């Protein structure tokens, strides 16, 4: 998805590149958070101990969902620019 965003940007399609980059960030952040959550659930209480190193990944995976652009702002951007919905914020 990021390659598509880069290609669109290089082609001069800034709106398409913005959409593709936002979708790529959203998908990557969700996949990361889901993978870490599944790992913690698989290991149970041990998933939060220092030996497995998942506690720091749990925090880092949450940061990807809110920084530098939150999931809600990405969805607002896609709704407004792709779906043509009115600005909701």
C-alpha atoms as a PDB file:
ATOM      1  CA  UNK A   1       0.000   0.000   0.000  1.00  0.00           C
ATOM      2  CA  UNK A   2       2.856   2.371   0.743  1.00  0.00           C
ATOM      3  CA  UNK A   3       4.363   1.616  -2.657  1.00  0.00           C
ATOM      4  CA  UNK A   4       1.064   2.593  -4.257  1.00  0.00           C
ATOM      5  CA  UNK A   5       1.032   5.819  -2.238  1.00  0.00           C
ATOM      6  CA  UNK A   6       4.607   6.603  -3.306  1.00  0.00           C
ATOM      7  CA  UNK A   7       3.788   5.848  -6.949  1.00  0.00           C
ATOM      8  CA  UNK A   8       0.723   8.090  -6.856  1.00  0.00           C
ATOM      9  CA  UNK A   9       2.695  10.877  -5.222  1.00  0.00           C
ATOM     10  CA  UNK A  10       5.464  10.591  -7.829  1.00  0.00           C
ATOM     11  CA  UNK A  11       2.807  10.659 -10.544  1.00  0.00           C
ATOM     12  CA  UNK A  12       1.440  13.942  -9.217  1.00  0.00           C
ATOM     13  CA  UNK A  13      -1.785  12.544  -7.751  1.00  0.00           C
ATOM     14  CA  UNK A  14      -1.564  14.127  -4.307  1.00  0.00           C
ATOM     15  CA  UNK A  15      -5.161  13.287  -3.362  1.00  0.00           C
ATOM     16  CA  UNK A  16      -4.755   9.641  -4.316  1.00  0.00           C
ATOM     17  CA  UNK A  17      -1.419   9.458  -2.531  1.00  0.00           C
ATOM     18  CA  UNK A  18      -2.951  10.931   0.611  1.00  0.00           C
ATOM     19  CA  UNK A  19      -5.731   8.388   0.581  1.00  0.00           C
ATOM     20  CA  UNK A  20      -3.392   5.453  -0.046  1.00  0.00           C
ATOM     21  CA  UNK A  21      -0.963   6.571   2.669  1.00  0.00           C
ATOM     22  CA  UNK A  22      -3.774   6.994   5.183  1.00  0.00           C
ATOM     23  CA  UNK A  23      -5.224   3.571   4.400  1.00  0.00           C
ATOM     24  CA  UNK A  24      -1.764   1.991   4.657  1.00  0.00           C
ATOM     25  CA  UNK A  25      -1.128   3.583   8.062  1.00  0.00           C
ATOM     26  CA  UNK A  26      -4.561   2.516   9.323  1.00  0.00           C
ATOM     27  CA  UNK A  27      -4.115  -1.081   8.143  1.00  0.00           C
ATOM     28  CA  UNK A  28      -0.565  -1.361   9.501  1.00  0.00           C
ATOM     29  CA  UNK A  29      -1.503   0.027  12.915  1.00  0.00           C
ATOM     30  CA  UNK A  30      -4.505  -2.295  13.207  1.00  0.00           C
ATOM     31  CA  UNK A  31      -2.501  -5.355  12.106  1.00  0.00           C
ATOM     32  CA  UNK A  32       0.267  -4.549  14.586  1.00  0.00           C
ATOM     33  CA  UNK A  33      -2.122  -4.053  17.494  1.00  0.00           C
ATOM     34  CA  UNK A  34      -4.030  -7.232  16.656  1.00  0.00           C
ATOM     35  CA  UNK A  35      -0.836  -9.298  16.386  1.00  0.00           C
ATOM     36  CA  UNK A  36       0.492  -8.075  19.734  1.00  0.00           C
ATOM     37  CA  UNK A  37      -2.897  -8.595  21.398  1.00  0.00           C
ATOM     38  CA  UNK A  38      -3.027 -12.146  20.067  1.00  0.00           C
ATOM     39  CA  UNK A  39       0.509 -12.852  21.313  1.00  0.00           C
ATOM     40  CA  UNK A  40      -0.353 -11.562  24.789  1.00  0.00           C
ATOM     41  CA  UNK A  41      -3.564 -13.611  24.868  1.00  0.00           C
ATOM     42  CA  UNK A  42      -1.714 -16.704  23.718  1.00  0.00           C
ATOM     43  CA  UNK A  43       0.865 -16.412  26.489  1.00  0.00           C
ATOM     44  CA  UNK A  44      -1.655 -15.382  29.133  1.00  0.00           C
ATOM     45  CA  UNK A  45      -0.128 -13.726  32.194  1.00  0.00           C
ATOM     46  CA  UNK A  46       3.366 -14.540  30.960  1.00  0.00           C
ATOM     47  CA  UNK A  47       2.749 -12.257  28.001  1.00  0.00           C
ATOM     48  CA  UNK A  48       3.227  -9.235  30.243  1.00  0.00           C
ATOM     49  CA  UNK A  49       6.437 -10.374  31.932  1.00  0.00           C
ATOM     50  CA  UNK A  50       9.851  -8.945  31.072  1.00  0.00           C
ATOM     51  CA  UNK A  51      11.152 -12.297  29.794  1.00  0.00           C
ATOM     52  CA  UNK A  52       8.906 -12.265  26.723  1.00  0.00           C
ATOM     53  CA  UNK A  53       9.241  -8.572  25.873  1.00  0.00           C
ATOM     54  CA  UNK A  54       5.637  -8.139  24.830  1.00  0.00           C
ATOM     55  CA  UNK A  55       4.807  -5.461  27.400  1.00  0.00           C
ATOM     56  CA  UNK A  56       6.888  -2.876  25.553  1.00  0.00           C
ATOM     57  CA  UNK A  57       5.432  -4.006  22.226  1.00  0.00           C
ATOM     58  CA  UNK A  58       1.937  -3.612  23.642  1.00  0.00           C
ATOM     59  CA  UNK A  59       2.659   0.039  24.368  1.00  0.00           C
ATOM     60  CA  UNK A  60       4.365   0.619  21.030  1.00  0.00           C
ATOM     61  CA  UNK A  61       1.491  -0.953  19.106  1.00  0.00           C
ATOM     62  CA  UNK A  62      -0.944   1.463  20.756  1.00  0.00           C
ATOM     63  CA  UNK A  63       1.158   4.464  19.765  1.00  0.00           C
ATOM     64  CA  UNK A  64       0.794   3.473  16.110  1.00  0.00           C
ATOM     65  CA  UNK A  65      -2.955   3.836  16.408  1.00  0.00           C
ATOM     66  CA  UNK A  66      -2.891   7.406  17.687  1.00  0.00           C
ATOM     67  CA  UNK A  67       0.303   9.090  16.487  1.00  0.00           C
ATOM     68  CA  UNK A  68       0.935  11.109  14.420  1.00  0.00           C
ATOM     69  CA  UNK A  69      -2.636  10.812  13.110  1.00  0.00           C
ATOM     70  CA  UNK A  70      -5.392   9.004  14.984  1.00  0.00           C
ATOM     71  CA  UNK A  71      -7.601   6.319  13.477  1.00  0.00           C
ATOM     72  CA  UNK A  72     -10.590   8.640  13.659  1.00  0.00           C
ATOM     73  CA  UNK A  73      -8.841  11.355  11.652  1.00  0.00           C
ATOM     74  CA  UNK A  74      -7.860   8.813   9.011  1.00  0.00           C
ATOM     75  CA  UNK A  75     -11.439   7.619   8.751  1.00  0.00           C
ATOM     76  CA  UNK A  76     -12.633  11.249   8.556  1.00  0.00           C
ATOM     77  CA  UNK A  77     -10.173  11.918   5.715  1.00  0.00           C
ATOM     78  CA  UNK A  78     -11.267   8.861   3.748  1.00  0.00           C
ATOM     79  CA  UNK A  79     -14.945   9.592   4.319  1.00  0.00           C
ATOM     80  CA  UNK A  80     -14.589  13.182   3.179  1.00  0.00           C
ATOM     81  CA  UNK A  81     -12.197  12.788   0.237  1.00  0.00           C
ATOM     82  CA  UNK A  82     -13.031   9.317  -1.040  1.00  0.00           C
ATOM     83  CA  UNK A  83     -16.671   8.803  -0.188  1.00  0.00           C
ATOM     84  CA  UNK A  84     -17.641  12.450  -0.629  1.00  0.00           C
ATOM     85  CA  UNK A  85     -19.304  12.712   2.770  1.00  0.00           C
ATOM     86  CA  UNK A  86     -19.536  16.098   4.495  1.00  0.00           C
ATOM     87  CA  UNK A  87     -16.881  17.165   6.963  1.00  0.00           C
ATOM     88  CA  UNK A  88     -17.816  15.728  10.339  1.00  0.00           C
ATOM     89  CA  UNK A  89     -15.354  17.456  12.636  1.00  0.00           C
END
